[in-house]
Amino acid sequence: MGVLFWSGFGVAVRFWSLGLEMRPFFNRGTLWTYPVFAGVGASFGYWLQGVNERQKAILDERKQIILEKRARRAQREVERQT
């Protein structure tokens, strides 16, 4: 789903650039650029999604380590009190 959004974002960037240049949106000579911009946008979205997944995995791993450390500390406190 995210890649579809980023493809649309790439096409929107193309429309924006043509609007800034005050050129027509649909011209036979420049129609090939829309799939290029959509592909670049989709590639960026795919890469960004991978970055997000890797960061989430790292954060989950660190969270697990911290929770294990807290559990060991609580166990030591219980053993120390008895």
C-alpha atoms as a PDB file:
ATOM      1  CA  MET A   1       0.000   0.000   0.000  1.00  0.00           C
ATOM      2  CA  GLY A   2       2.840   2.384   0.841  1.00  0.00           C
ATOM      3  CA  VAL A   3       4.515   1.821  -2.524  1.00  0.00           C
ATOM      4  CA  LEU A   4       1.277   2.813  -4.260  1.00  0.00           C
ATOM      5  CA  PHE A   5       1.220   6.039  -2.244  1.00  0.00           C
ATOM      6  CA  TRP A   6       4.817   6.823  -3.158  1.00  0.00           C
ATOM      7  CA  SER A   7       4.102   6.124  -6.834  1.00  0.00           C
ATOM      8  CA  GLY A   8       1.327   8.692  -6.664  1.00  0.00           C
ATOM      9  CA  PHE A   9       3.672  11.048  -4.871  1.00  0.00           C
ATOM     10  CA  GLY A  10       6.168  10.714  -7.743  1.00  0.00           C
ATOM     11  CA  VAL A  11       3.470  11.571 -10.287  1.00  0.00           C
ATOM     12  CA  ALA A  12       2.364  14.506  -8.110  1.00  0.00           C
ATOM     13  CA  VAL A  13       5.950  15.782  -8.101  1.00  0.00           C
ATOM     14  CA  ARG A  14       5.917  15.638 -11.914  1.00  0.00           C
ATOM     15  CA  PHE A  15       2.664  17.630 -12.021  1.00  0.00           C
ATOM     16  CA  TRP A  16       4.156  20.134  -9.590  1.00  0.00           C
ATOM     17  CA  SER A  17       7.318  20.569 -11.642  1.00  0.00           C
ATOM     18  CA  LEU A  18       5.311  21.091 -14.834  1.00  0.00           C
ATOM     19  CA  GLY A  19       3.064  23.555 -12.998  1.00  0.00           C
ATOM     20  CA  LEU A  20       6.076  25.546 -11.842  1.00  0.00           C
ATOM     21  CA  GLU A  21       7.364  25.671 -15.399  1.00  0.00           C
ATOM     22  CA  MET A  22       3.844  26.564 -16.638  1.00  0.00           C
ATOM     23  CA  ARG A  23       3.997  23.770 -19.194  1.00  0.00           C
ATOM     24  CA  PRO A  24       1.064  21.584 -20.264  1.00  0.00           C
ATOM     25  CA  PHE A  25       0.545  18.513 -18.094  1.00  0.00           C
ATOM     26  CA  PHE A  26      -0.120  16.107 -20.965  1.00  0.00           C
ATOM     27  CA  ASN A  27       2.114  16.493 -23.989  1.00  0.00           C
ATOM     28  CA  ARG A  28       2.888  13.580 -26.312  1.00  0.00           C
ATOM     29  CA  GLY A  29       6.612  14.177 -26.069  1.00  0.00           C
ATOM     30  CA  THR A  30       6.719  14.096 -22.282  1.00  0.00           C
ATOM     31  CA  LEU A  31       4.238  11.327 -21.390  1.00  0.00           C
ATOM     32  CA  TRP A  32       7.094   8.878 -20.826  1.00  0.00           C
ATOM     33  CA  THR A  33       8.178  10.869 -17.759  1.00  0.00           C
ATOM     34  CA  TYR A  34       5.112   9.937 -15.687  1.00  0.00           C
ATOM     35  CA  PRO A  35       6.054   6.248 -15.351  1.00  0.00           C
ATOM     36  CA  VAL A  36       9.637   7.315 -14.617  1.00  0.00           C
ATOM     37  CA  PHE A  37       8.539   9.617 -11.798  1.00  0.00           C
ATOM     38  CA  ALA A  38       6.110   6.956 -10.513  1.00  0.00           C
ATOM     39  CA  GLY A  39       8.916   4.383 -10.549  1.00  0.00           C
ATOM     40  CA  VAL A  40      11.316   6.674  -8.726  1.00  0.00           C
ATOM     41  CA  GLY A  41       8.632   7.465  -6.151  1.00  0.00           C
ATOM     42  CA  ALA A  42       7.811   3.762  -5.712  1.00  0.00           C
ATOM     43  CA  SER A  43      11.501   2.911  -5.342  1.00  0.00           C
ATOM     44  CA  PHE A  44      11.916   5.584  -2.700  1.00  0.00           C
ATOM     45  CA  GLY A  45       8.818   4.330  -0.872  1.00  0.00           C
ATOM     46  CA  TYR A  46      10.040   0.732  -1.003  1.00  0.00           C
ATOM     47  CA  TRP A  47      13.433   1.786   0.377  1.00  0.00           C
ATOM     48  CA  LEU A  48      11.804   3.911   3.085  1.00  0.00           C
ATOM     49  CA  GLN A  49       9.553   1.025   4.099  1.00  0.00           C
ATOM     50  CA  GLY A  50      12.625  -1.194   4.468  1.00  0.00           C
ATOM     51  CA  VAL A  51      14.327   1.438   6.620  1.00  0.00           C
ATOM     52  CA  ASN A  52      11.234   1.611   8.804  1.00  0.00           C
ATOM     53  CA  GLU A  53      11.120  -2.172   9.236  1.00  0.00           C
ATOM     54  CA  ARG A  54      14.827  -2.379  10.099  1.00  0.00           C
ATOM     55  CA  GLN A  55      14.527   0.432  12.653  1.00  0.00           C
ATOM     56  CA  LYS A  56      11.480  -1.205  14.205  1.00  0.00           C
ATOM     57  CA  ALA A  57      13.347  -4.526  14.500  1.00  0.00           C
ATOM     58  CA  ILE A  58      16.288  -2.789  16.196  1.00  0.00           C
ATOM     59  CA  LEU A  59      13.974  -0.963  18.621  1.00  0.00           C
ATOM     60  CA  ASP A  60      12.076  -4.169  19.451  1.00  0.00           C
ATOM     61  CA  GLU A  61      15.370  -5.965  20.112  1.00  0.00           C
ATOM     62  CA  ARG A  62      16.617  -3.183  22.388  1.00  0.00           C
ATOM     63  CA  LYS A  63      13.278  -3.089  24.192  1.00  0.00           C
ATOM     64  CA  GLN A  64      13.511  -6.831  24.827  1.00  0.00           C
ATOM     65  CA  ILE A  65      17.056  -6.448  26.174  1.00  0.00           C
ATOM     66  CA  ILE A  66      15.956  -3.662  28.541  1.00  0.00           C
ATOM     67  CA  LEU A  67      12.971  -5.693  29.767  1.00  0.00           C
ATOM     68  CA  GLU A  68      15.218  -8.705  30.439  1.00  0.00           C
ATOM     69  CA  LYS A  69      17.668  -6.485  32.311  1.00  0.00           C
ATOM     70  CA  ARG A  70      14.836  -5.076  34.456  1.00  0.00           C
ATOM     71  CA  ALA A  71      13.557  -8.587  35.187  1.00  0.00           C
ATOM     72  CA  ARG A  72      17.047  -9.718  36.287  1.00  0.00           C
ATOM     73  CA  ARG A  73      17.379  -6.647  38.508  1.00  0.00           C
ATOM     74  CA  ALA A  74      13.959  -7.288  40.071  1.00  0.00           C
ATOM     75  CA  GLN A  75      14.921 -10.932  40.664  1.00  0.00           C
ATOM     76  CA  ARG A  76      18.143  -9.831  42.377  1.00  0.00           C
ATOM     77  CA  GLU A  77      16.156  -7.415  44.575  1.00  0.00           C
ATOM     78  CA  VAL A  78      13.763 -10.205  45.581  1.00  0.00           C
ATOM     79  CA  GLU A  79      16.687 -12.535  46.367  1.00  0.00           C
ATOM     80  CA  ARG A  80      18.430  -9.779  48.317  1.00  0.00           C
ATOM     81  CA  GLN A  81      15.340  -9.133  50.469  1.00  0.00           C
ATOM     82  CA  THR A  82      14.918 -12.769  51.436  1.00  0.00           C
END
